[in-house]
Amino acid sequence: VHQCHDTDLIKVGAGATACIDGNQAAAHVAYALSDIAFIYPITPSSPMGEMVDEWAAQGLINCYGQKLSVTEMQSEAGAAGALHCAL
C-alpha cells in the first residue's frame, strides 16, 4: 500500500485511531498547521513531501480552511532559502 493513499487519515473524527509511521505523522501535522510548503524529495524523508504534495493536489483543506501551497525545489539549499523567505 502506497502511503499517499492514506489521505483519509487527515479527516478522521475524534476518538479514531490509526497506525502510521513517523514520516506520515509528521506530514499530517505539517499539512494541518502550515500555509506553505517547500519540498525537496530525499530519502528517507521523501514520503512526507509526496504525501503533502498529493493532499494539496486533491484539494484537502488544512486547519486554517485553505489548501496548502506546495512548491518542489531543486536542492536542499533552495528549499531552506525559500522557507526562510516565506517567514
PDB file of N, CA and C in Angstrom:
ATOM      1  N   VAL A   1       0.846  -1.176   0.000  1.00  0.00           N
ATOM      2  CA  VAL A   1       0.000   0.000   0.000  1.00  0.00           C
ATOM      3  C   VAL A   1       0.888   1.235   0.000  1.00  0.00           C
ATOM      4  N   HIS A   2       0.644   2.124  -0.930  1.00  0.00           N
ATOM      5  CA  HIS A   2       1.397   3.372  -1.009  1.00  0.00           C
ATOM      6  C   HIS A   2       0.871   4.317   0.057  1.00  0.00           C
ATOM      7  N   GLN A   3       1.767   4.955   0.799  1.00  0.00           N
ATOM      8  CA  GLN A   3       1.357   5.802   1.911  1.00  0.00           C
ATOM      9  C   GLN A   3       0.467   6.956   1.479  1.00  0.00           C
ATOM     10  N   CYS A   4       0.627   7.437   0.272  1.00  0.00           N
ATOM     11  CA  CYS A   4      -0.149   8.584  -0.174  1.00  0.00           C
ATOM     12  C   CYS A   4      -1.628   8.270  -0.319  1.00  0.00           C
ATOM     13  N   HIS A   5      -1.995   7.010  -0.362  1.00  0.00           N
ATOM     14  CA  HIS A   5      -3.404   6.659  -0.475  1.00  0.00           C
ATOM     15  C   HIS A   5      -4.112   6.739   0.870  1.00  0.00           C
ATOM     16  N   ASP A   6      -3.401   7.064   1.939  1.00  0.00           N
ATOM     17  CA  ASP A   6      -3.992   7.168   3.268  1.00  0.00           C
ATOM     18  C   ASP A   6      -4.462   8.581   3.568  1.00  0.00           C
ATOM     19  N   THR A   7      -4.907   9.312   2.566  1.00  0.00           N
ATOM     20  CA  THR A   7      -5.298  10.704   2.769  1.00  0.00           C
ATOM     21  C   THR A   7      -6.516  10.837   3.654  1.00  0.00           C
ATOM     22  N   ASP A   8      -7.321   9.791   3.777  1.00  0.00           N
ATOM     23  CA  ASP A   8      -8.494   9.881   4.638  1.00  0.00           C
ATOM     24  C   ASP A   8      -8.120  10.000   6.107  1.00  0.00           C
ATOM     25  N   LEU A   9      -6.896   9.659   6.478  1.00  0.00           N
ATOM     26  CA  LEU A   9      -6.471   9.756   7.874  1.00  0.00           C
ATOM     27  C   LEU A   9      -6.495  11.195   8.381  1.00  0.00           C
ATOM     28  N   ILE A  10      -6.280  12.157   7.517  1.00  0.00           N
ATOM     29  CA  ILE A  10      -6.252  13.545   7.952  1.00  0.00           C
ATOM     30  C   ILE A  10      -7.653  14.049   8.296  1.00  0.00           C
ATOM     31  N   LYS A  11      -8.701  13.310   7.877  1.00  0.00           N
ATOM     32  CA  LYS A  11     -10.071  13.735   8.100  1.00  0.00           C
ATOM     33  C   LYS A  11     -10.801  12.903   9.149  1.00  0.00           C
ATOM     34  N   VAL A  12     -10.124  11.996   9.836  1.00  0.00           N
ATOM     35  CA  VAL A  12     -10.819  11.132  10.787  1.00  0.00           C
ATOM     36  C   VAL A  12     -11.408  11.946  11.934  1.00  0.00           C
ATOM     37  N   GLY A  13     -12.482  11.432  12.521  1.00  0.00           N
ATOM     38  CA  GLY A  13     -13.160  12.125  13.608  1.00  0.00           C
ATOM     39  C   GLY A  13     -12.486  11.895  14.944  1.00  0.00           C
ATOM     40  N   ALA A  14     -12.993  12.548  15.962  1.00  0.00           N
ATOM     41  CA  ALA A  14     -12.452  12.432  17.319  1.00  0.00           C
ATOM     42  C   ALA A  14     -12.564  10.998  17.806  1.00  0.00           C
ATOM     43  N   GLY A  15     -11.534  10.535  18.449  1.00  0.00           N
ATOM     44  CA  GLY A  15     -11.528   9.194  19.012  1.00  0.00           C
ATOM     45  C   GLY A  15     -11.055   8.118  18.057  1.00  0.00           C
ATOM     46  N   ALA A  16     -10.850   8.441  16.773  1.00  0.00           N
ATOM     47  CA  ALA A  16     -10.389   7.463  15.803  1.00  0.00           C
ATOM     48  C   ALA A  16      -8.887   7.254  15.962  1.00  0.00           C
ATOM     49  N   THR A  17      -8.431   6.048  15.713  1.00  0.00           N
ATOM     50  CA  THR A  17      -7.005   5.747  15.802  1.00  0.00           C
ATOM     51  C   THR A  17      -6.528   5.112  14.512  1.00  0.00           C
ATOM     52  N   ALA A  18      -5.253   5.238  14.248  1.00  0.00           N
ATOM     53  CA  ALA A  18      -4.635   4.638  13.068  1.00  0.00           C
ATOM     54  C   ALA A  18      -3.176   4.355  13.385  1.00  0.00           C
ATOM     55  N   CYS A  19      -2.622   3.357  12.737  1.00  0.00           N
ATOM     56  CA  CYS A  19      -1.207   3.018  12.896  1.00  0.00           C
ATOM     57  C   CYS A  19      -0.452   3.612  11.708  1.00  0.00           C
ATOM     58  N   ILE A  20       0.385   4.618  11.972  1.00  0.00           N
ATOM     59  CA  ILE A  20       1.148   5.281  10.916  1.00  0.00           C
ATOM     60  C   ILE A  20       2.603   5.403  11.354  1.00  0.00           C
ATOM     61  N   ASP A  21       3.497   5.603  10.386  1.00  0.00           N
ATOM     62  CA  ASP A  21       4.913   5.761  10.730  1.00  0.00           C
ATOM     63  C   ASP A  21       5.228   7.233  11.009  1.00  0.00           C
ATOM     64  N   GLY A  22       6.456   7.500  11.408  1.00  0.00           N
ATOM     65  CA  GLY A  22       6.855   8.857  11.780  1.00  0.00           C
ATOM     66  C   GLY A  22       6.768   9.852  10.641  1.00  0.00           C
ATOM     67  N   ASN A  23       7.150   9.433   9.417  1.00  0.00           N
ATOM     68  CA  ASN A  23       7.049  10.333   8.260  1.00  0.00           C
ATOM     69  C   ASN A  23       5.610  10.735   8.011  1.00  0.00           C
ATOM     70  N   GLN A  24       4.712   9.772   8.113  1.00  0.00           N
ATOM     71  CA  GLN A  24       3.297  10.054   7.873  1.00  0.00           C
ATOM     72  C   GLN A  24       2.728  10.966   8.956  1.00  0.00           C
ATOM     73  N   ALA A  25       3.106  10.714  10.200  1.00  0.00           N
ATOM     74  CA  ALA A  25       2.630  11.557  11.302  1.00  0.00           C
ATOM     75  C   ALA A  25       3.117  12.995  11.136  1.00  0.00           C
ATOM     76  N   ALA A  26       4.396  13.154  10.789  1.00  0.00           N
ATOM     77  CA  ALA A  26       4.950  14.495  10.588  1.00  0.00           C
ATOM     78  C   ALA A  26       4.273  15.199   9.418  1.00  0.00           C
ATOM     79  N   ALA A  27       3.981  14.459   8.348  1.00  0.00           N
ATOM     80  CA  ALA A  27       3.320  15.055   7.186  1.00  0.00           C
ATOM     81  C   ALA A  27       1.914  15.526   7.537  1.00  0.00           C
ATOM     82  N   HIS A  28       1.183  14.752   8.325  1.00  0.00           N
ATOM     83  CA  HIS A  28      -0.175  15.153   8.721  1.00  0.00           C
ATOM     84  C   HIS A  28      -0.149  16.443   9.533  1.00  0.00           C
ATOM     85  N   VAL A  29       0.748  16.528  10.495  1.00  0.00           N
ATOM     86  CA  VAL A  29       0.821  17.722  11.341  1.00  0.00           C
ATOM     87  C   VAL A  29       1.293  18.924  10.524  1.00  0.00           C
ATOM     88  N   ALA A  30       2.304  18.719   9.688  1.00  0.00           N
ATOM     89  CA  ALA A  30       2.814  19.818   8.874  1.00  0.00           C
ATOM     90  C   ALA A  30       1.740  20.345   7.925  1.00  0.00           C
ATOM     91  N   TYR A  31       0.979  19.450   7.308  1.00  0.00           N
ATOM     92  CA  TYR A  31      -0.071  19.883   6.387  1.00  0.00           C
ATOM     93  C   TYR A  31      -1.166  20.634   7.139  1.00  0.00           C
ATOM     94  N   ALA A  32      -1.549  20.114   8.265  1.00  0.00           N
ATOM     95  CA  ALA A  32      -2.650  20.708   9.023  1.00  0.00           C
ATOM     96  C   ALA A  32      -2.312  22.097   9.552  1.00  0.00           C
ATOM     97  N   LEU A  33      -1.048  22.353   9.870  1.00  0.00           N
ATOM     98  CA  LEU A  33      -0.682  23.592  10.550  1.00  0.00           C
ATOM     99  C   LEU A  33       0.149  24.564   9.714  1.00  0.00           C
ATOM    100  N   SER A  34       0.231  24.343   8.404  1.00  0.00           N
ATOM    101  CA  SER A  34       1.067  25.195   7.558  1.00  0.00           C
ATOM    102  C   SER A  34       0.253  25.888   6.478  1.00  0.00           C
ATOM    103  N   ASP A  35       0.778  27.005   6.006  1.00  0.00           N
ATOM    104  CA  ASP A  35       0.183  27.725   4.885  1.00  0.00           C
ATOM    105  C   ASP A  35       0.890  27.374   3.578  1.00  0.00           C
ATOM    106  N   ILE A  36       2.190  27.095   3.679  1.00  0.00           N
ATOM    107  CA  ILE A  36       3.030  26.901   2.503  1.00  0.00           C
ATOM    108  C   ILE A  36       4.077  25.832   2.810  1.00  0.00           C
ATOM    109  N   ALA A  37       4.461  25.072   1.785  1.00  0.00           N
ATOM    110  CA  ALA A  37       5.479  24.036   1.965  1.00  0.00           C
ATOM    111  C   ALA A  37       6.437  24.045   0.776  1.00  0.00           C
ATOM    112  N   PHE A  38       7.711  23.945   1.058  1.00  0.00           N
ATOM    113  CA  PHE A  38       8.739  23.798   0.035  1.00  0.00           C
ATOM    114  C   PHE A  38       9.344  22.425   0.241  1.00  0.00           C
ATOM    115  N   ILE A  39       9.255  21.578  -0.765  1.00  0.00           N
ATOM    116  CA  ILE A  39       9.719  20.202  -0.597  1.00  0.00           C
ATOM    117  C   ILE A  39      10.904  19.921  -1.502  1.00  0.00           C
ATOM    118  N   TYR A  40      11.784  19.078  -1.024  1.00  0.00           N
ATOM    119  CA  TYR A  40      12.914  18.569  -1.793  1.00  0.00           C
ATOM    120  C   TYR A  40      12.995  17.081  -1.486  1.00  0.00           C
ATOM    121  N   PRO A  41      12.477  16.242  -2.379  1.00  0.00           N
ATOM    122  CA  PRO A  41      12.445  14.794  -2.096  1.00  0.00           C
ATOM    123  C   PRO A  41      13.838  14.205  -1.941  1.00  0.00           C
ATOM    124  N   ILE A  42      14.101  13.642  -0.783  1.00  0.00           N
ATOM    125  CA  ILE A  42      15.367  12.974  -0.497  1.00  0.00           C
ATOM    126  C   ILE A  42      15.086  11.859   0.508  1.00  0.00           C
ATOM    127  N   THR A  43      15.623  10.701   0.236  1.00  0.00           N
ATOM    128  CA  THR A  43      15.412   9.546   1.113  1.00  0.00           C
ATOM    129  C   THR A  43      16.089   9.828   2.447  1.00  0.00           C
ATOM    130  N   PRO A  44      15.542   9.469   3.580  1.00  0.00           N
ATOM    131  CA  PRO A  44      14.321   8.707   3.834  1.00  0.00           C
ATOM    132  C   PRO A  44      13.097   9.567   4.107  1.00  0.00           C
ATOM    133  N   SER A  45      13.185  10.881   3.906  1.00  0.00           N
ATOM    134  CA  SER A  45      12.031  11.736   4.208  1.00  0.00           C
ATOM    135  C   SER A  45      11.138  11.991   3.004  1.00  0.00           C
ATOM    136  N   SER A  46      11.426  11.408   1.860  1.00  0.00           N
ATOM    137  CA  SER A  46      10.640  11.633   0.651  1.00  0.00           C
ATOM    138  C   SER A  46       9.142  11.393   0.815  1.00  0.00           C
ATOM    139  N   PRO A  47       8.704  10.367   1.564  1.00  0.00           N
ATOM    140  CA  PRO A  47       7.261  10.165   1.698  1.00  0.00           C
ATOM    141  C   PRO A  47       6.519  11.366   2.273  1.00  0.00           C
ATOM    142  N   MET A  48       7.159  12.156   3.121  1.00  0.00           N
ATOM    143  CA  MET A  48       6.487  13.325   3.693  1.00  0.00           C
ATOM    144  C   MET A  48       6.128  14.323   2.601  1.00  0.00           C
ATOM    145  N   GLY A  49       7.075  14.652   1.746  1.00  0.00           N
ATOM    146  CA  GLY A  49       6.823  15.587   0.657  1.00  0.00           C
ATOM    147  C   GLY A  49       5.821  15.048  -0.338  1.00  0.00           C
ATOM    148  N   GLU A  50       5.917  13.750  -0.636  1.00  0.00           N
ATOM    149  CA  GLU A  50       4.984  13.130  -1.579  1.00  0.00           C
ATOM    150  C   GLU A  50       3.553  13.179  -1.050  1.00  0.00           C
ATOM    151  N   MET A  51       3.384  12.892   0.238  1.00  0.00           N
ATOM    152  CA  MET A  51       2.045  12.919   0.825  1.00  0.00           C
ATOM    153  C   MET A  51       1.464  14.335   0.818  1.00  0.00           C
ATOM    154  N   VAL A  52       2.253  15.298   1.267  1.00  0.00           N
ATOM    155  CA  VAL A  52       1.790  16.689   1.319  1.00  0.00           C
ATOM    156  C   VAL A  52       1.444  17.179  -0.081  1.00  0.00           C
ATOM    157  N   ASP A  53       2.282  16.851  -1.069  1.00  0.00           N
ATOM    158  CA  ASP A  53       2.029  17.252  -2.446  1.00  0.00           C
ATOM    159  C   ASP A  53       0.737  16.626  -2.971  1.00  0.00           C
ATOM    160  N   GLU A  54       0.516  15.355  -2.679  1.00  0.00           N
ATOM    161  CA  GLU A  54      -0.701  14.693  -3.142  1.00  0.00           C
ATOM    162  C   GLU A  54      -1.940  15.259  -2.459  1.00  0.00           C
ATOM    163  N   TRP A  55      -1.870  15.521  -1.176  1.00  0.00           N
ATOM    164  CA  TRP A  55      -3.023  16.092  -0.457  1.00  0.00           C
ATOM    165  C   TRP A  55      -3.390  17.457  -1.025  1.00  0.00           C
ATOM    166  N   ALA A  56      -2.372  18.277  -1.304  1.00  0.00           N
ATOM    167  CA  ALA A  56      -2.640  19.601  -1.874  1.00  0.00           C
ATOM    168  C   ALA A  56      -3.264  19.466  -3.258  1.00  0.00           C
ATOM    169  N   ALA A  57      -2.771  18.514  -4.057  1.00  0.00           N
ATOM    170  CA  ALA A  57      -3.329  18.295  -5.394  1.00  0.00           C
ATOM    171  C   ALA A  57      -4.787  17.838  -5.323  1.00  0.00           C
ATOM    172  N   GLN A  58      -5.143  17.116  -4.258  1.00  0.00           N
ATOM    173  CA  GLN A  58      -6.515  16.658  -4.072  1.00  0.00           C
ATOM    174  C   GLN A  58      -7.408  17.749  -3.473  1.00  0.00           C
ATOM    175  N   GLY A  59      -6.801  18.871  -3.099  1.00  0.00           N
ATOM    176  CA  GLY A  59      -7.572  19.986  -2.570  1.00  0.00           C
ATOM    177  C   GLY A  59      -7.956  19.855  -1.110  1.00  0.00           C
ATOM    178  N   LEU A  60      -7.235  19.027  -0.352  1.00  0.00           N
ATOM    179  CA  LEU A  60      -7.552  18.905   1.075  1.00  0.00           C
ATOM    180  C   LEU A  60      -7.327  20.234   1.785  1.00  0.00           C
ATOM    181  N   ILE A  61      -8.182  20.540   2.719  1.00  0.00           N
ATOM    182  CA  ILE A  61      -8.145  21.802   3.466  1.00  0.00           C
ATOM    183  C   ILE A  61      -7.429  21.584   4.795  1.00  0.00           C
ATOM    184  N   ASN A  62      -6.574  22.542   5.183  1.00  0.00           N
ATOM    185  CA  ASN A  62      -5.865  22.436   6.460  1.00  0.00           C
ATOM    186  C   ASN A  62      -6.690  23.062   7.590  1.00  0.00           C
ATOM    187  N   CYS A  63      -6.102  23.184   8.762  1.00  0.00           N
ATOM    188  CA  CYS A  63      -6.809  23.726   9.930  1.00  0.00           C
ATOM    189  C   CYS A  63      -7.252  25.174   9.742  1.00  0.00           C
ATOM    190  N   TYR A  64      -6.634  25.875   8.809  1.00  0.00           N
ATOM    191  CA  TYR A  64      -6.956  27.274   8.574  1.00  0.00           C
ATOM    192  C   TYR A  64      -7.977  27.447   7.457  1.00  0.00           C
ATOM    193  N   GLY A  65      -8.530  26.347   6.960  1.00  0.00           N
ATOM    194  CA  GLY A  65      -9.552  26.397   5.924  1.00  0.00           C
ATOM    195  C   GLY A  65      -9.030  26.669   4.530  1.00  0.00           C
ATOM    196  N   GLN A  66      -7.764  26.378   4.289  1.00  0.00           N
ATOM    197  CA  GLN A  66      -7.198  26.626   2.972  1.00  0.00           C
ATOM    198  C   GLN A  66      -6.359  25.445   2.502  1.00  0.00           C
ATOM    199  N   LYS A  67      -6.137  25.380   1.194  1.00  0.00           N
ATOM    200  CA  LYS A  67      -5.285  24.356   0.619  1.00  0.00           C
ATOM    201  C   LYS A  67      -3.835  24.808   0.765  1.00  0.00           C
ATOM    202  N   LEU A  68      -2.962  23.892   1.128  1.00  0.00           N
ATOM    203  CA  LEU A  68      -1.546  24.201   1.299  1.00  0.00           C
ATOM    204  C   LEU A  68      -0.908  24.495  -0.054  1.00  0.00           C
ATOM    205  N   SER A  69      -0.094  25.518  -0.133  1.00  0.00           N
ATOM    206  CA  SER A  69       0.664  25.828  -1.341  1.00  0.00           C
ATOM    207  C   SER A  69       1.976  25.053  -1.285  1.00  0.00           C
ATOM    208  N   VAL A  70       2.205  24.150  -2.243  1.00  0.00           N
ATOM    209  CA  VAL A  70       3.388  23.284  -2.245  1.00  0.00           C
ATOM    210  C   VAL A  70       4.246  23.602  -3.457  1.00  0.00           C
ATOM    211  N   THR A  71       5.542  23.810  -3.221  1.00  0.00           N
ATOM    212  CA  THR A  71       6.500  24.063  -4.292  1.00  0.00           C
ATOM    213  C   THR A  71       7.652  23.087  -4.140  1.00  0.00           C
ATOM    214  N   GLU A  72       7.941  22.326  -5.208  1.00  0.00           N
ATOM    215  CA  GLU A  72       9.078  21.395  -5.166  1.00  0.00           C
ATOM    216  C   GLU A  72      10.328  22.126  -5.617  1.00  0.00           C
ATOM    217  N   MET A  73      11.362  22.065  -4.792  1.00  0.00           N
ATOM    218  CA  MET A  73      12.613  22.768  -5.077  1.00  0.00           C
ATOM    219  C   MET A  73      13.634  21.805  -5.684  1.00  0.00           C
ATOM    220  N   GLN A  74      14.707  22.351  -6.252  1.00  0.00           N
ATOM    221  CA  GLN A  74      15.722  21.540  -6.917  1.00  0.00           C
ATOM    222  C   GLN A  74      16.909  21.201  -6.020  1.00  0.00           C
ATOM    223  N   SER A  75      16.963  21.768  -4.819  1.00  0.00           N
ATOM    224  CA  SER A  75      18.070  21.475  -3.908  1.00  0.00           C
ATOM    225  C   SER A  75      17.634  21.730  -2.472  1.00  0.00           C
ATOM    226  N   GLU A  76      18.392  21.173  -1.547  1.00  0.00           N
ATOM    227  CA  GLU A  76      18.112  21.421  -0.128  1.00  0.00           C
ATOM    228  C   GLU A  76      18.298  22.885   0.201  1.00  0.00           C
ATOM    229  N   ALA A  77      19.319  23.493  -0.373  1.00  0.00           N
ATOM    230  CA  ALA A  77      19.584  24.910  -0.109  1.00  0.00           C
ATOM    231  C   ALA A  77      18.436  25.773  -0.631  1.00  0.00           C
ATOM    232  N   GLY A  78      17.901  25.425  -1.787  1.00  0.00           N
ATOM    233  CA  GLY A  78      16.772  26.167  -2.338  1.00  0.00           C
ATOM    234  C   GLY A  78      15.552  26.068  -1.441  1.00  0.00           C
ATOM    235  N   ALA A  79      15.296  24.865  -0.924  1.00  0.00           N
ATOM    236  CA  ALA A  79      14.147  24.673  -0.027  1.00  0.00           C
ATOM    237  C   ALA A  79      14.333  25.472   1.255  1.00  0.00           C
ATOM    238  N   ALA A  80      15.545  25.437   1.806  1.00  0.00           N
ATOM    239  CA  ALA A  80      15.816  26.177   3.044  1.00  0.00           C
ATOM    240  C   ALA A  80      15.699  27.684   2.813  1.00  0.00           C
ATOM    241  N   GLY A  81      16.219  28.171   1.687  1.00  0.00           N
ATOM    242  CA  GLY A  81      16.156  29.592   1.383  1.00  0.00           C
ATOM    243  C   GLY A  81      14.724  30.056   1.146  1.00  0.00           C
ATOM    244  N   ALA A  82      13.953  29.261   0.432  1.00  0.00           N
ATOM    245  CA  ALA A  82      12.560  29.620   0.165  1.00  0.00           C
ATOM    246  C   ALA A  82      11.755  29.667   1.448  1.00  0.00           C
ATOM    247  N   LEU A  83      11.975  28.699   2.319  1.00  0.00           N
ATOM    248  CA  LEU A  83      11.262  28.686   3.590  1.00  0.00           C
ATOM    249  C   LEU A  83      11.651  29.903   4.436  1.00  0.00           C
ATOM    250  N   HIS A  84      12.931  30.238   4.449  1.00  0.00           N
ATOM    251  CA  HIS A  84      13.394  31.407   5.207  1.00  0.00           C
ATOM    252  C   HIS A  84      12.709  32.677   4.710  1.00  0.00           C
ATOM    253  N   CYS A  85      12.596  32.821   3.377  1.00  0.00           N
ATOM    254  CA  CYS A  85      11.945  33.997   2.819  1.00  0.00           C
ATOM    255  C   CYS A  85      10.441  34.016   3.101  1.00  0.00           C
ATOM    256  N   ALA A  86       9.844  32.834   3.220  1.00  0.00           N
ATOM    257  CA  ALA A  86       8.392  32.763   3.484  1.00  0.00           C
ATOM    258  C   ALA A  86       8.050  33.200   4.894  1.00  0.00           C
ATOM    259  N   LEU A  87       9.005  33.102   5.810  1.00  0.00           N
ATOM    260  CA  LEU A  87       8.747  33.505   7.184  1.00  0.00           C
ATOM    261  C   LEU A  87       8.698  35.005   7.257  1.00  0.00           C
TER     262      LEU A  87
END
